[in-house]
Amino acid sequence: MGAVGLNGATSEAKDATERTRLSSLGWKKWAPVQAGAFAAHLASLGPILWENKGRYAAQHGVMSATWIKTAVTVAGAGATLYAAVLGKKVDELS
């Protein structure tokens, strides 16, 4: 949505300052939705682990795959946070 849709749409603005302002405004509106999605995803880890504890213990490789997927999700959240910090700096410069 953002990289293609929002940034693509703001490229139609005639002024670079306006383009940056509109893009930053759109990303600010999207941030709570994205943060909520990450939070819900990570919050589901505990209940899912609890509900499937027998399968994790019995099936070879399931637990390690679960931790790998969790690490990828946390890395994605970290990259998103870093992008937000950089976006805020760009917004402040414009």
N, C-alpha and C. Protein backbone atom coordinates (compact mmCIF):
# COMPACT_ATOMS: atom_id res chain seq x y z
N MET A 1 0.82 -1.18 0.00
CA MET A 1 0.00 0.00 0.00
C MET A 1 0.87 1.25 0.00
N GLY A 2 1.77 1.34 0.94
CA GLY A 2 2.51 2.59 1.10
C GLY A 2 3.53 2.86 0.04
N ALA A 3 4.45 1.91 -0.17
CA ALA A 3 5.55 2.14 -1.10
C ALA A 3 5.05 2.33 -2.52
N VAL A 4 4.05 1.58 -2.91
CA VAL A 4 3.54 1.67 -4.28
C VAL A 4 2.39 2.66 -4.37
N GLY A 5 1.38 2.47 -3.55
CA GLY A 5 0.18 3.30 -3.64
C GLY A 5 0.38 4.72 -3.14
N LEU A 6 0.75 4.86 -1.89
CA LEU A 6 0.86 6.19 -1.29
C LEU A 6 2.00 6.98 -1.90
N ASN A 7 3.18 6.41 -1.91
CA ASN A 7 4.32 7.14 -2.47
C ASN A 7 4.14 7.38 -3.97
N GLY A 8 3.53 6.42 -4.67
CA GLY A 8 3.25 6.62 -6.08
C GLY A 8 2.27 7.76 -6.32
N ALA A 9 1.24 7.83 -5.50
CA ALA A 9 0.24 8.90 -5.64
C ALA A 9 0.84 10.26 -5.31
N THR A 10 1.67 10.33 -4.30
CA THR A 10 2.24 11.62 -3.92
C THR A 10 3.27 12.10 -4.95
N SER A 11 3.76 11.19 -5.77
CA SER A 11 4.70 11.63 -6.81
C SER A 11 4.02 12.54 -7.83
N GLU A 12 2.68 12.56 -7.82
CA GLU A 12 1.92 13.43 -8.72
C GLU A 12 1.93 14.89 -8.23
N ALA A 13 2.31 15.11 -6.96
CA ALA A 13 2.37 16.49 -6.45
C ALA A 13 3.42 17.27 -7.23
N LYS A 14 3.13 18.52 -7.50
CA LYS A 14 4.03 19.32 -8.31
C LYS A 14 5.26 19.79 -7.54
N ASP A 15 5.14 19.93 -6.23
CA ASP A 15 6.22 20.45 -5.41
C ASP A 15 6.78 19.32 -4.53
N ALA A 16 8.10 19.23 -4.46
CA ALA A 16 8.74 18.16 -3.68
C ALA A 16 8.40 18.27 -2.20
N THR A 17 8.28 19.48 -1.69
CA THR A 17 7.94 19.66 -0.28
C THR A 17 6.54 19.14 0.01
N GLU A 18 5.62 19.43 -0.90
CA GLU A 18 4.25 18.94 -0.74
C GLU A 18 4.20 17.43 -0.84
N ARG A 19 4.98 16.87 -1.72
CA ARG A 19 5.06 15.41 -1.89
C ARG A 19 5.51 14.75 -0.58
N THR A 20 6.55 15.29 0.02
CA THR A 20 7.06 14.74 1.28
C THR A 20 6.03 14.90 2.39
N ARG A 21 5.37 16.06 2.44
CA ARG A 21 4.37 16.30 3.48
C ARG A 21 3.20 15.32 3.35
N LEU A 22 2.72 15.13 2.14
CA LEU A 22 1.59 14.22 1.93
C LEU A 22 1.97 12.77 2.23
N SER A 23 3.14 12.37 1.81
CA SER A 23 3.61 11.01 2.07
C SER A 23 3.75 10.77 3.57
N SER A 24 4.34 11.73 4.27
CA SER A 24 4.51 11.60 5.72
C SER A 24 3.16 11.54 6.43
N LEU A 25 2.22 12.35 5.97
CA LEU A 25 0.89 12.35 6.57
C LEU A 25 0.20 11.00 6.38
N GLY A 26 0.32 10.44 5.18
CA GLY A 26 -0.29 9.14 4.92
C GLY A 26 0.33 8.04 5.77
N TRP A 27 1.65 8.04 5.88
CA TRP A 27 2.32 7.02 6.70
C TRP A 27 1.95 7.17 8.17
N LYS A 28 1.80 8.41 8.65
CA LYS A 28 1.39 8.62 10.04
C LYS A 28 0.00 8.03 10.30
N LYS A 29 -0.89 8.16 9.33
CA LYS A 29 -2.24 7.61 9.49
C LYS A 29 -2.23 6.08 9.46
N TRP A 30 -1.30 5.50 8.73
CA TRP A 30 -1.21 4.06 8.60
C TRP A 30 -0.49 3.42 9.79
N ALA A 31 0.38 4.14 10.45
CA ALA A 31 1.23 3.59 11.53
C ALA A 31 0.44 2.89 12.63
N PRO A 32 -0.67 3.45 13.15
CA PRO A 32 -1.39 2.74 14.21
C PRO A 32 -1.95 1.39 13.75
N VAL A 33 -2.39 1.31 12.51
CA VAL A 33 -2.90 0.04 11.98
C VAL A 33 -1.77 -0.98 11.92
N GLN A 34 -0.64 -0.55 11.41
CA GLN A 34 0.50 -1.45 11.30
C GLN A 34 1.01 -1.89 12.68
N ALA A 35 1.08 -0.96 13.61
CA ALA A 35 1.52 -1.30 14.96
C ALA A 35 0.55 -2.28 15.62
N GLY A 36 -0.73 -2.06 15.42
CA GLY A 36 -1.73 -2.97 15.97
C GLY A 36 -1.62 -4.37 15.39
N ALA A 37 -1.34 -4.45 14.11
CA ALA A 37 -1.19 -5.76 13.47
C ALA A 37 0.02 -6.50 14.03
N PHE A 38 1.14 -5.81 14.18
CA PHE A 38 2.33 -6.43 14.77
C PHE A 38 2.04 -6.87 16.21
N ALA A 39 1.40 -6.01 16.99
CA ALA A 39 1.10 -6.33 18.39
C ALA A 39 0.19 -7.55 18.49
N ALA A 40 -0.84 -7.59 17.66
CA ALA A 40 -1.77 -8.73 17.68
C ALA A 40 -1.05 -10.02 17.29
N HIS A 41 -0.21 -9.92 16.30
CA HIS A 41 0.55 -11.10 15.84
C HIS A 41 1.45 -11.63 16.96
N LEU A 42 2.19 -10.74 17.60
CA LEU A 42 3.10 -11.16 18.67
C LEU A 42 2.33 -11.61 19.92
N ALA A 43 1.19 -10.96 20.21
CA ALA A 43 0.41 -11.34 21.38
C ALA A 43 -0.19 -12.74 21.22
N SER A 44 -0.41 -13.15 19.99
CA SER A 44 -0.99 -14.48 19.76
C SER A 44 0.02 -15.60 20.00
N LEU A 45 1.29 -15.27 20.08
CA LEU A 45 2.32 -16.30 20.25
C LEU A 45 2.09 -17.12 21.52
N GLY A 46 1.87 -16.47 22.64
CA GLY A 46 1.69 -17.20 23.91
C GLY A 46 0.54 -18.18 23.88
N PRO A 47 -0.66 -17.72 23.54
CA PRO A 47 -1.80 -18.66 23.50
C PRO A 47 -1.61 -19.79 22.49
N ILE A 48 -1.01 -19.51 21.36
CA ILE A 48 -0.79 -20.56 20.36
C ILE A 48 0.21 -21.58 20.89
N LEU A 49 1.28 -21.11 21.50
CA LEU A 49 2.26 -22.03 22.09
C LEU A 49 1.60 -22.90 23.16
N TRP A 50 0.80 -22.29 24.00
CA TRP A 50 0.15 -23.04 25.08
C TRP A 50 -0.80 -24.10 24.53
N GLU A 51 -1.60 -23.70 23.56
CA GLU A 51 -2.59 -24.62 23.00
C GLU A 51 -1.95 -25.79 22.26
N ASN A 52 -0.80 -25.58 21.69
CA ASN A 52 -0.15 -26.61 20.87
C ASN A 52 1.11 -27.18 21.51
N LYS A 53 1.24 -27.04 22.83
CA LYS A 53 2.48 -27.46 23.51
C LYS A 53 2.80 -28.94 23.29
N GLY A 54 1.80 -29.78 23.21
CA GLY A 54 2.04 -31.20 22.97
C GLY A 54 2.63 -31.46 21.59
N ARG A 55 2.11 -30.77 20.61
CA ARG A 55 2.61 -30.94 19.24
C ARG A 55 4.03 -30.41 19.12
N TYR A 56 4.30 -29.27 19.77
CA TYR A 56 5.65 -28.72 19.72
C TYR A 56 6.66 -29.69 20.32
N ALA A 57 6.27 -30.34 21.40
CA ALA A 57 7.18 -31.28 22.06
C ALA A 57 7.33 -32.58 21.26
N ALA A 58 6.26 -33.03 20.61
CA ALA A 58 6.29 -34.33 19.95
C ALA A 58 6.85 -34.29 18.53
N GLN A 59 6.57 -33.24 17.79
CA GLN A 59 6.98 -33.19 16.39
C GLN A 59 8.36 -32.55 16.25
N HIS A 60 9.22 -33.26 15.58
CA HIS A 60 10.58 -32.77 15.36
C HIS A 60 10.58 -31.52 14.48
N GLY A 61 11.25 -30.49 14.92
CA GLY A 61 11.43 -29.28 14.13
C GLY A 61 10.36 -28.23 14.26
N VAL A 62 9.25 -28.56 14.88
CA VAL A 62 8.15 -27.59 14.97
C VAL A 62 8.54 -26.41 15.86
N MET A 63 9.14 -26.69 17.00
CA MET A 63 9.50 -25.61 17.92
C MET A 63 10.56 -24.69 17.32
N SER A 64 11.56 -25.27 16.67
CA SER A 64 12.60 -24.42 16.08
C SER A 64 12.01 -23.58 14.95
N ALA A 65 11.12 -24.15 14.15
CA ALA A 65 10.46 -23.37 13.09
C ALA A 65 9.63 -22.24 13.68
N THR A 66 8.98 -22.49 14.80
CA THR A 66 8.18 -21.46 15.45
C THR A 66 9.06 -20.31 15.91
N TRP A 67 10.20 -20.61 16.51
CA TRP A 67 11.10 -19.55 16.96
C TRP A 67 11.70 -18.79 15.79
N ILE A 68 11.96 -19.47 14.69
CA ILE A 68 12.47 -18.79 13.50
C ILE A 68 11.42 -17.81 12.96
N LYS A 69 10.17 -18.27 12.88
CA LYS A 69 9.10 -17.39 12.41
C LYS A 69 8.90 -16.21 13.35
N THR A 70 9.03 -16.45 14.65
CA THR A 70 8.91 -15.36 15.61
C THR A 70 10.04 -14.36 15.43
N ALA A 71 11.24 -14.86 15.22
CA ALA A 71 12.40 -13.97 15.01
C ALA A 71 12.21 -13.13 13.75
N VAL A 72 11.69 -13.73 12.70
CA VAL A 72 11.44 -12.98 11.46
C VAL A 72 10.39 -11.89 11.69
N THR A 73 9.36 -12.20 12.46
CA THR A 73 8.33 -11.21 12.77
C THR A 73 8.91 -10.07 13.59
N VAL A 74 9.72 -10.39 14.59
CA VAL A 74 10.35 -9.35 15.42
C VAL A 74 11.30 -8.51 14.56
N ALA A 75 12.04 -9.14 13.67
CA ALA A 75 12.94 -8.40 12.77
C ALA A 75 12.12 -7.46 11.87
N GLY A 76 10.99 -7.93 11.39
CA GLY A 76 10.11 -7.08 10.58
C GLY A 76 9.60 -5.89 11.37
N ALA A 77 9.23 -6.12 12.61
CA ALA A 77 8.77 -5.03 13.47
C ALA A 77 9.91 -4.04 13.70
N GLY A 78 11.11 -4.55 13.91
CA GLY A 78 12.28 -3.68 14.11
C GLY A 78 12.58 -2.85 12.87
N ALA A 79 12.52 -3.47 11.70
CA ALA A 79 12.75 -2.75 10.45
C ALA A 79 11.68 -1.68 10.24
N THR A 80 10.45 -2.00 10.60
CA THR A 80 9.36 -1.04 10.48
C THR A 80 9.58 0.14 11.42
N LEU A 81 10.00 -0.13 12.63
CA LEU A 81 10.28 0.93 13.59
C LEU A 81 11.43 1.81 13.09
N TYR A 82 12.47 1.19 12.55
CA TYR A 82 13.59 1.95 12.02
C TYR A 82 13.15 2.83 10.86
N ALA A 83 12.31 2.29 9.97
CA ALA A 83 11.79 3.07 8.85
C ALA A 83 10.96 4.24 9.35
N ALA A 84 10.21 4.03 10.43
CA ALA A 84 9.41 5.12 11.00
C ALA A 84 10.30 6.23 11.56
N VAL A 85 11.39 5.85 12.21
CA VAL A 85 12.33 6.84 12.74
C VAL A 85 12.93 7.65 11.60
N LEU A 86 13.35 6.96 10.54
CA LEU A 86 13.91 7.66 9.37
C LEU A 86 12.85 8.55 8.71
N GLY A 87 11.62 8.05 8.61
CA GLY A 87 10.55 8.84 8.03
C GLY A 87 10.27 10.09 8.82
N LYS A 88 10.34 10.00 10.14
CA LYS A 88 10.13 11.17 10.97
C LYS A 88 11.22 12.21 10.74
N LYS A 89 12.46 11.74 10.57
CA LYS A 89 13.57 12.67 10.28
C LYS A 89 13.35 13.37 8.93
N VAL A 90 12.90 12.62 7.94
CA VAL A 90 12.63 13.21 6.62
C VAL A 90 11.51 14.23 6.75
N ASP A 91 10.47 13.91 7.50
CA ASP A 91 9.34 14.82 7.69
C ASP A 91 9.79 16.10 8.37
N GLU A 92 10.68 16.00 9.33
CA GLU A 92 11.16 17.17 10.05
C GLU A 92 12.04 18.04 9.17
N LEU A 93 12.70 17.46 8.19
CA LEU A 93 13.56 18.23 7.28
C LEU A 93 12.78 19.01 6.24
N SER A 94 11.55 18.59 6.00
CA SER A 94 10.79 19.27 4.94
C SER A 94 10.02 20.46 5.45
